[in-house]
Structures are given as C-alpha cells and as structure tokens.
Amino acid sequence: NTENRIQRKFNAELEPDQCRFATSEVEERFHLETEGWTNRKRNGIRRLARSMADMSGAAEIQMEHMLEALRYAGLTESIVTSPENGKAPWQSD
C-alpha cells in the first residue's frame, strides 16, 4: 500500500536507522567500504543510497543503490568492483 510508505520527511532529515538495507550482505558491504570514515560521512552515504532506492521504487536500500552512492561520494570504481573480474556486482560477466 503506497499510503503506508509515504514518508513525511526529506531523506536528509532521516536518522541512520531509518535508512534500512535490504539484506545483511548489503549492510556488511557498506560497513566494509566505509570503515574508518566519520559517522557524518557514513550517514550521508546512507541517505544518498536511500534517495537512489526511492528513485527506483525500492522500499529498502539494495546493493546497487549503496554502491552507486559510494561512487557518487567520490570513490573510484575500482573500490566498488569485484577483485575477481573487475566488474560491479550487478554487472554480468
């Protein structure tokens, strides 16, 4: 039901725990990629990923939303690609 999903805040106003990851795998990857970052920067990336999920109509942050947010944050593509094949997880072989 769309009415139940209407958010009454801008994503920038959300608390980090309101920007939920779809799976524990996505959350673990997020923590791995952002290890050593300030909470402020990590929370900003979560909110950006939440916005990307909103644009795709997803209820929760998927892997592709999180990785895209990391790229927009200024990380090089090599950081968010697989060391085995050099491709992002959502790209086919």
C-alpha atoms as a PDB file:
ATOM      1  CA  ASN A   1       0.000   0.000   0.000  1.00  0.00           C
ATOM      2  CA  THR A   2       1.571   3.255  -1.162  1.00  0.00           C
ATOM      3  CA  GLU A   3      -0.177   5.273   1.541  1.00  0.00           C
ATOM      4  CA  ASN A   4       1.719   3.333   4.215  1.00  0.00           C
ATOM      5  CA  ARG A   5       5.064   4.096   2.561  1.00  0.00           C
ATOM      6  CA  ILE A   6       4.634   7.862   2.359  1.00  0.00           C
ATOM      7  CA  GLN A   7       7.493   9.459   4.178  1.00  0.00           C
ATOM      8  CA  ARG A   8       6.846  12.724   5.969  1.00  0.00           C
ATOM      9  CA  LYS A   9      10.499  13.848   5.994  1.00  0.00           C
ATOM     10  CA  PHE A  10      13.193  14.624   3.484  1.00  0.00           C
ATOM     11  CA  ASN A  11      15.884  11.941   3.301  1.00  0.00           C
ATOM     12  CA  ALA A  12      18.392  14.447   4.700  1.00  0.00           C
ATOM     13  CA  GLU A  13      16.307  14.579   7.896  1.00  0.00           C
ATOM     14  CA  LEU A  14      16.195  10.802   8.416  1.00  0.00           C
ATOM     15  CA  GLU A  15      18.058   9.098  11.221  1.00  0.00           C
ATOM     16  CA  PRO A  16      20.555   6.465  10.002  1.00  0.00           C
ATOM     17  CA  ASP A  17      18.414   3.598  11.332  1.00  0.00           C
ATOM     18  CA  GLN A  18      15.538   4.804   9.132  1.00  0.00           C
ATOM     19  CA  CYS A  19      17.650   4.103   6.020  1.00  0.00           C
ATOM     20  CA  ARG A  20      17.407   0.304   6.099  1.00  0.00           C
ATOM     21  CA  PHE A  21      19.455  -2.027   3.947  1.00  0.00           C
ATOM     22  CA  ALA A  22      17.593  -4.823   2.171  1.00  0.00           C
ATOM     23  CA  THR A  23      19.886  -7.596   3.421  1.00  0.00           C
ATOM     24  CA  SER A  24      22.643  -8.149   5.947  1.00  0.00           C
ATOM     25  CA  GLU A  25      25.008  -8.658   2.986  1.00  0.00           C
ATOM     26  CA  VAL A  26      24.358  -5.088   1.808  1.00  0.00           C
ATOM     27  CA  GLU A  27      24.874  -3.744   5.324  1.00  0.00           C
ATOM     28  CA  GLU A  28      28.109  -5.714   5.792  1.00  0.00           C
ATOM     29  CA  ARG A  29      29.463  -4.456   2.464  1.00  0.00           C
ATOM     30  CA  PHE A  30      28.549  -0.885   3.435  1.00  0.00           C
ATOM     31  CA  HIS A  31      30.484  -1.192   6.700  1.00  0.00           C
ATOM     32  CA  LEU A  32      33.450  -2.757   4.894  1.00  0.00           C
ATOM     33  CA  GLU A  33      33.575   0.000   2.249  1.00  0.00           C
ATOM     34  CA  THR A  34      33.185   2.830   4.770  1.00  0.00           C
ATOM     35  CA  GLU A  35      35.481   1.526   7.503  1.00  0.00           C
ATOM     36  CA  GLY A  36      37.402   4.381   9.088  1.00  0.00           C
ATOM     37  CA  TRP A  37      35.032   7.076   7.819  1.00  0.00           C
ATOM     38  CA  THR A  38      33.370   9.584  10.090  1.00  0.00           C
ATOM     39  CA  ASN A  39      29.788   8.904  11.131  1.00  0.00           C
ATOM     40  CA  ARG A  40      28.753  12.103   9.370  1.00  0.00           C
ATOM     41  CA  LYS A  41      30.097  10.874   6.030  1.00  0.00           C
ATOM     42  CA  ARG A  42      28.686   7.366   6.501  1.00  0.00           C
ATOM     43  CA  ASN A  43      25.247   8.750   7.350  1.00  0.00           C
ATOM     44  CA  GLY A  44      25.359  10.979   4.283  1.00  0.00           C
ATOM     45  CA  ILE A  45      26.105   7.969   2.076  1.00  0.00           C
ATOM     46  CA  ARG A  46      23.197   6.055   3.657  1.00  0.00           C
ATOM     47  CA  ARG A  47      20.839   8.945   2.925  1.00  0.00           C
ATOM     48  CA  LEU A  48      22.102   9.208  -0.647  1.00  0.00           C
ATOM     49  CA  ALA A  49      21.582   5.457  -1.112  1.00  0.00           C
ATOM     50  CA  ARG A  50      18.055   5.851   0.337  1.00  0.00           C
ATOM     51  CA  SER A  51      17.349   8.535  -2.285  1.00  0.00           C
ATOM     52  CA  MET A  52      18.564   6.212  -5.046  1.00  0.00           C
ATOM     53  CA  ALA A  53      16.326   3.455  -3.700  1.00  0.00           C
ATOM     54  CA  ASP A  54      13.403   5.903  -3.702  1.00  0.00           C
ATOM     55  CA  MET A  55      14.063   6.800  -7.344  1.00  0.00           C
ATOM     56  CA  SER A  56      13.963   3.126  -8.316  1.00  0.00           C
ATOM     57  CA  GLY A  57      10.830   2.477  -6.250  1.00  0.00           C
ATOM     58  CA  ALA A  58      12.553   0.161  -3.758  1.00  0.00           C
ATOM     59  CA  ALA A  59      11.373   0.002  -0.150  1.00  0.00           C
ATOM     60  CA  GLU A  60      14.878  -0.719   1.159  1.00  0.00           C
ATOM     61  CA  ILE A  61      18.435   0.015   0.046  1.00  0.00           C
ATOM     62  CA  GLN A  62      19.666  -2.668  -2.361  1.00  0.00           C
ATOM     63  CA  MET A  63      23.329  -3.417  -3.162  1.00  0.00           C
ATOM     64  CA  GLU A  64      23.224  -1.373  -6.376  1.00  0.00           C
ATOM     65  CA  HIS A  65      21.893   1.698  -4.543  1.00  0.00           C
ATOM     66  CA  MET A  66      24.609   1.507  -1.916  1.00  0.00           C
ATOM     67  CA  LEU A  67      27.411   1.030  -4.437  1.00  0.00           C
ATOM     68  CA  GLU A  68      26.134   3.852  -6.623  1.00  0.00           C
ATOM     69  CA  ALA A  69      26.021   6.165  -3.600  1.00  0.00           C
ATOM     70  CA  LEU A  70      29.640   5.263  -2.831  1.00  0.00           C
ATOM     71  CA  ARG A  71      30.635   6.149  -6.395  1.00  0.00           C
ATOM     72  CA  TYR A  72      28.848   9.494  -6.184  1.00  0.00           C
ATOM     73  CA  ALA A  73      30.695  10.148  -2.936  1.00  0.00           C
ATOM     74  CA  GLY A  74      33.918  10.237  -4.900  1.00  0.00           C
ATOM     75  CA  LEU A  75      35.204   6.712  -4.597  1.00  0.00           C
ATOM     76  CA  THR A  76      36.871   5.271  -7.639  1.00  0.00           C
ATOM     77  CA  GLU A  77      35.092   2.470  -9.429  1.00  0.00           C
ATOM     78  CA  SER A  78      37.932   0.087  -8.565  1.00  0.00           C
ATOM     79  CA  ILE A  79      36.913   0.164  -4.904  1.00  0.00           C
ATOM     80  CA  VAL A  80      33.379  -0.999  -5.595  1.00  0.00           C
ATOM     81  CA  THR A  81      34.207  -3.687  -8.132  1.00  0.00           C
ATOM     82  CA  SER A  82      34.958  -7.327  -7.640  1.00  0.00           C
ATOM     83  CA  PRO A  83      38.675  -8.166  -7.473  1.00  0.00           C
ATOM     84  CA  GLU A  84      37.954 -11.387  -9.378  1.00  0.00           C
ATOM     85  CA  ASN A  85      36.563  -9.896 -12.578  1.00  0.00           C
ATOM     86  CA  GLY A  86      36.828  -6.115 -12.213  1.00  0.00           C
ATOM     87  CA  LYS A  87      33.070  -5.626 -12.541  1.00  0.00           C
ATOM     88  CA  ALA A  88      30.496  -4.225 -10.186  1.00  0.00           C
ATOM     89  CA  PRO A  89      28.355  -6.942  -8.542  1.00  0.00           C
ATOM     90  CA  TRP A  90      25.287  -6.128 -10.633  1.00  0.00           C
ATOM     91  CA  GLN A  91      27.164  -6.304 -13.960  1.00  0.00           C
ATOM     92  CA  SER A  92      27.029  -9.577 -15.860  1.00  0.00           C
ATOM     93  CA  ASP A  93      30.159 -11.458 -16.890  1.00  0.00           C
END
